[in-house]
Amino acid sequence: MELKIAKNEDNELFNRKNVTFNVIGYDATPSKEVVKEELCKKINALPDMTVIVNLSQESGMRRLNGMAHVYSNKEDIDKYERDYILKRSEKKNAKKEGEK
């Protein structure tokens, strides 16, 4: 799996970075968690401060297009991100902690 950064823009209004990326070269469609880990490694960001907003696959192609918001503090995440997006990532994190 190869992750390429298409855009990395500062958004001073919301105190975050908007990152647009593409994922290519995979056999099975990677999960959001795997993509998030790779993205954080690539841009040197903390996973807790990164929110994947959109992840979509092009029809008939093995390519994912995505957008993430990278924050510098937890207060801005709670202030600016939509609640349902935060709940999605919390459910998956809670499920991982509960597994044995």
C-alpha atoms as a PDB file:
ATOM      1  CA  MET A   1       0.000   0.000   0.000  1.00  0.00           C
ATOM      2  CA  GLU A   2       1.359   3.375  -1.006  1.00  0.00           C
ATOM      3  CA  LEU A   3       0.003   6.641   0.369  1.00  0.00           C
ATOM      4  CA  LYS A   4       0.649   9.867  -1.526  1.00  0.00           C
ATOM      5  CA  ILE A   5      -0.093  13.347  -0.172  1.00  0.00           C
ATOM      6  CA  ALA A   6      -1.903  15.433  -2.794  1.00  0.00           C
ATOM      7  CA  LYS A   7      -2.343  18.603  -0.680  1.00  0.00           C
ATOM      8  CA  ASN A   8      -1.282  19.674   2.782  1.00  0.00           C
ATOM      9  CA  GLU A   9      -2.819  23.080   3.513  1.00  0.00           C
ATOM     10  CA  ASP A  10      -2.926  25.133   6.695  1.00  0.00           C
ATOM     11  CA  ASN A  11      -6.429  26.194   7.700  1.00  0.00           C
ATOM     12  CA  GLU A  12      -5.832  29.012  10.159  1.00  0.00           C
ATOM     13  CA  LEU A  13      -9.529  29.685  10.697  1.00  0.00           C
ATOM     14  CA  PHE A  14     -10.048  26.257  12.309  1.00  0.00           C
ATOM     15  CA  ASN A  15      -6.485  25.818  13.668  1.00  0.00           C
ATOM     16  CA  ARG A  16      -5.862  22.657  11.647  1.00  0.00           C
ATOM     17  CA  LYS A  17      -4.219  21.251   8.534  1.00  0.00           C
ATOM     18  CA  ASN A  18      -6.350  19.906   5.712  1.00  0.00           C
ATOM     19  CA  VAL A  19      -4.619  16.921   4.121  1.00  0.00           C
ATOM     20  CA  THR A  20      -5.814  15.394   0.855  1.00  0.00           C
ATOM     21  CA  PHE A  21      -4.281  12.035  -0.032  1.00  0.00           C
ATOM     22  CA  ASN A  22      -4.453   9.042  -2.378  1.00  0.00           C
ATOM     23  CA  VAL A  23      -3.869   5.378  -1.523  1.00  0.00           C
ATOM     24  CA  ILE A  24      -2.807   3.013  -4.292  1.00  0.00           C
ATOM     25  CA  GLY A  25      -1.226  -0.417  -4.639  1.00  0.00           C
ATOM     26  CA  TYR A  26      -3.259  -2.600  -2.287  1.00  0.00           C
ATOM     27  CA  ASP A  27      -4.835  -6.056  -2.642  1.00  0.00           C
ATOM     28  CA  ALA A  28      -7.769  -5.665  -0.252  1.00  0.00           C
ATOM     29  CA  THR A  29      -9.343  -2.319   0.598  1.00  0.00           C
ATOM     30  CA  PRO A  30      -7.566  -1.038   3.724  1.00  0.00           C
ATOM     31  CA  SER A  31      -9.573   0.043   6.761  1.00  0.00           C
ATOM     32  CA  LYS A  32      -9.708   3.636   7.976  1.00  0.00           C
ATOM     33  CA  GLU A  33      -7.492   2.704  10.927  1.00  0.00           C
ATOM     34  CA  VAL A  34      -4.742   1.361   8.666  1.00  0.00           C
ATOM     35  CA  VAL A  35      -4.952   4.400   6.389  1.00  0.00           C
ATOM     36  CA  LYS A  36      -4.867   6.715   9.416  1.00  0.00           C
ATOM     37  CA  GLU A  37      -1.741   5.003  10.784  1.00  0.00           C
ATOM     38  CA  GLU A  38       0.056   5.316   7.445  1.00  0.00           C
ATOM     39  CA  LEU A  39      -1.012   8.942   7.054  1.00  0.00           C
ATOM     40  CA  CYS A  40       0.223   9.841  10.534  1.00  0.00           C
ATOM     41  CA  LYS A  41       3.599   8.215   9.819  1.00  0.00           C
ATOM     42  CA  LYS A  42       3.876  10.107   6.543  1.00  0.00           C
ATOM     43  CA  ILE A  43       3.096  13.577   7.943  1.00  0.00           C
ATOM     44  CA  ASN A  44       4.501  13.064  11.475  1.00  0.00           C
ATOM     45  CA  ALA A  45       1.170  13.616  13.225  1.00  0.00           C
ATOM     46  CA  LEU A  46      -0.372  12.062  16.308  1.00  0.00           C
ATOM     47  CA  PRO A  47      -3.220   9.601  15.609  1.00  0.00           C
ATOM     48  CA  ASP A  48      -5.300  11.155  18.411  1.00  0.00           C
ATOM     49  CA  MET A  49      -5.094  14.549  16.692  1.00  0.00           C
ATOM     50  CA  THR A  50      -5.976  13.225  13.216  1.00  0.00           C
ATOM     51  CA  VAL A  51      -9.532  12.750  11.931  1.00  0.00           C
ATOM     52  CA  ILE A  52     -10.250  11.086   8.591  1.00  0.00           C
ATOM     53  CA  VAL A  53     -13.195  13.016   7.213  1.00  0.00           C
ATOM     54  CA  ASN A  54     -13.681  11.309   3.865  1.00  0.00           C
ATOM     55  CA  LEU A  55     -12.407   8.096   2.322  1.00  0.00           C
ATOM     56  CA  SER A  56     -13.829   6.986  -1.010  1.00  0.00           C
ATOM     57  CA  GLN A  57     -12.884   4.450  -3.631  1.00  0.00           C
ATOM     58  CA  GLU A  58     -13.007   5.173  -7.336  1.00  0.00           C
ATOM     59  CA  SER A  59     -15.349   2.834  -9.161  1.00  0.00           C
ATOM     60  CA  GLY A  60     -13.558  -0.042 -10.843  1.00  0.00           C
ATOM     61  CA  MET A  61     -10.109   1.041  -9.670  1.00  0.00           C
ATOM     62  CA  ARG A  62      -7.849   0.119  -6.798  1.00  0.00           C
ATOM     63  CA  ARG A  63      -7.432   3.655  -5.576  1.00  0.00           C
ATOM     64  CA  LEU A  64      -8.725   5.475  -2.506  1.00  0.00           C
ATOM     65  CA  ASN A  65      -9.099   9.234  -2.264  1.00  0.00           C
ATOM     66  CA  GLY A  66      -9.325  10.772   1.161  1.00  0.00           C
ATOM     67  CA  MET A  67      -9.262  13.891   3.264  1.00  0.00           C
ATOM     68  CA  ALA A  68      -8.120  14.284   6.853  1.00  0.00           C
ATOM     69  CA  HIS A  69      -7.995  17.087   9.392  1.00  0.00           C
ATOM     70  CA  VAL A  70      -4.912  17.307  11.613  1.00  0.00           C
ATOM     71  CA  TYR A  71      -5.284  19.365  14.784  1.00  0.00           C
ATOM     72  CA  SER A  72      -2.739  20.636  17.286  1.00  0.00           C
ATOM     73  CA  ASN A  73      -4.946  20.166  20.371  1.00  0.00           C
ATOM     74  CA  LYS A  74      -7.929  18.130  21.541  1.00  0.00           C
ATOM     75  CA  GLU A  75     -10.111  21.163  22.325  1.00  0.00           C
ATOM     76  CA  ASP A  76     -10.196  22.197  18.647  1.00  0.00           C
ATOM     77  CA  ILE A  77     -11.258  18.694  17.615  1.00  0.00           C
ATOM     78  CA  ASP A  78     -14.216  18.802  19.994  1.00  0.00           C
ATOM     79  CA  LYS A  79     -15.066  22.341  18.929  1.00  0.00           C
ATOM     80  CA  TYR A  80     -14.936  22.004  15.129  1.00  0.00           C
ATOM     81  CA  GLU A  81     -15.459  18.369  14.116  1.00  0.00           C
ATOM     82  CA  ARG A  82     -18.929  16.981  13.555  1.00  0.00           C
ATOM     83  CA  ASP A  83     -20.149  14.707  16.334  1.00  0.00           C
ATOM     84  CA  TYR A  84     -21.066  11.750  14.127  1.00  0.00           C
ATOM     85  CA  ILE A  85     -17.555  11.592  12.661  1.00  0.00           C
ATOM     86  CA  LEU A  86     -16.031  11.567  16.135  1.00  0.00           C
ATOM     87  CA  LYS A  87     -18.477   8.857  17.279  1.00  0.00           C
ATOM     88  CA  ARG A  88     -17.496   6.619  14.376  1.00  0.00           C
ATOM     89  CA  SER A  89     -13.843   6.675  15.325  1.00  0.00           C
ATOM     90  CA  GLU A  90     -14.644   6.241  19.033  1.00  0.00           C
ATOM     91  CA  LYS A  91     -16.695   3.106  18.351  1.00  0.00           C
ATOM     92  CA  LYS A  92     -13.852   1.469  16.483  1.00  0.00           C
ATOM     93  CA  ASN A  93     -11.282   2.447  19.099  1.00  0.00           C
ATOM     94  CA  ALA A  94     -13.513   1.130  21.900  1.00  0.00           C
ATOM     95  CA  LYS A  95     -14.060  -2.133  20.022  1.00  0.00           C
ATOM     96  CA  LYS A  96     -10.313  -2.653  19.668  1.00  0.00           C
ATOM     97  CA  GLU A  97      -9.753  -2.092  23.392  1.00  0.00           C
ATOM     98  CA  GLY A  98     -12.500  -4.603  24.281  1.00  0.00           C
ATOM     99  CA  GLU A  99     -11.118  -7.372  22.035  1.00  0.00           C
ATOM    100  CA  LYS A 100      -8.829 -10.039  23.450  1.00  0.00           C
END
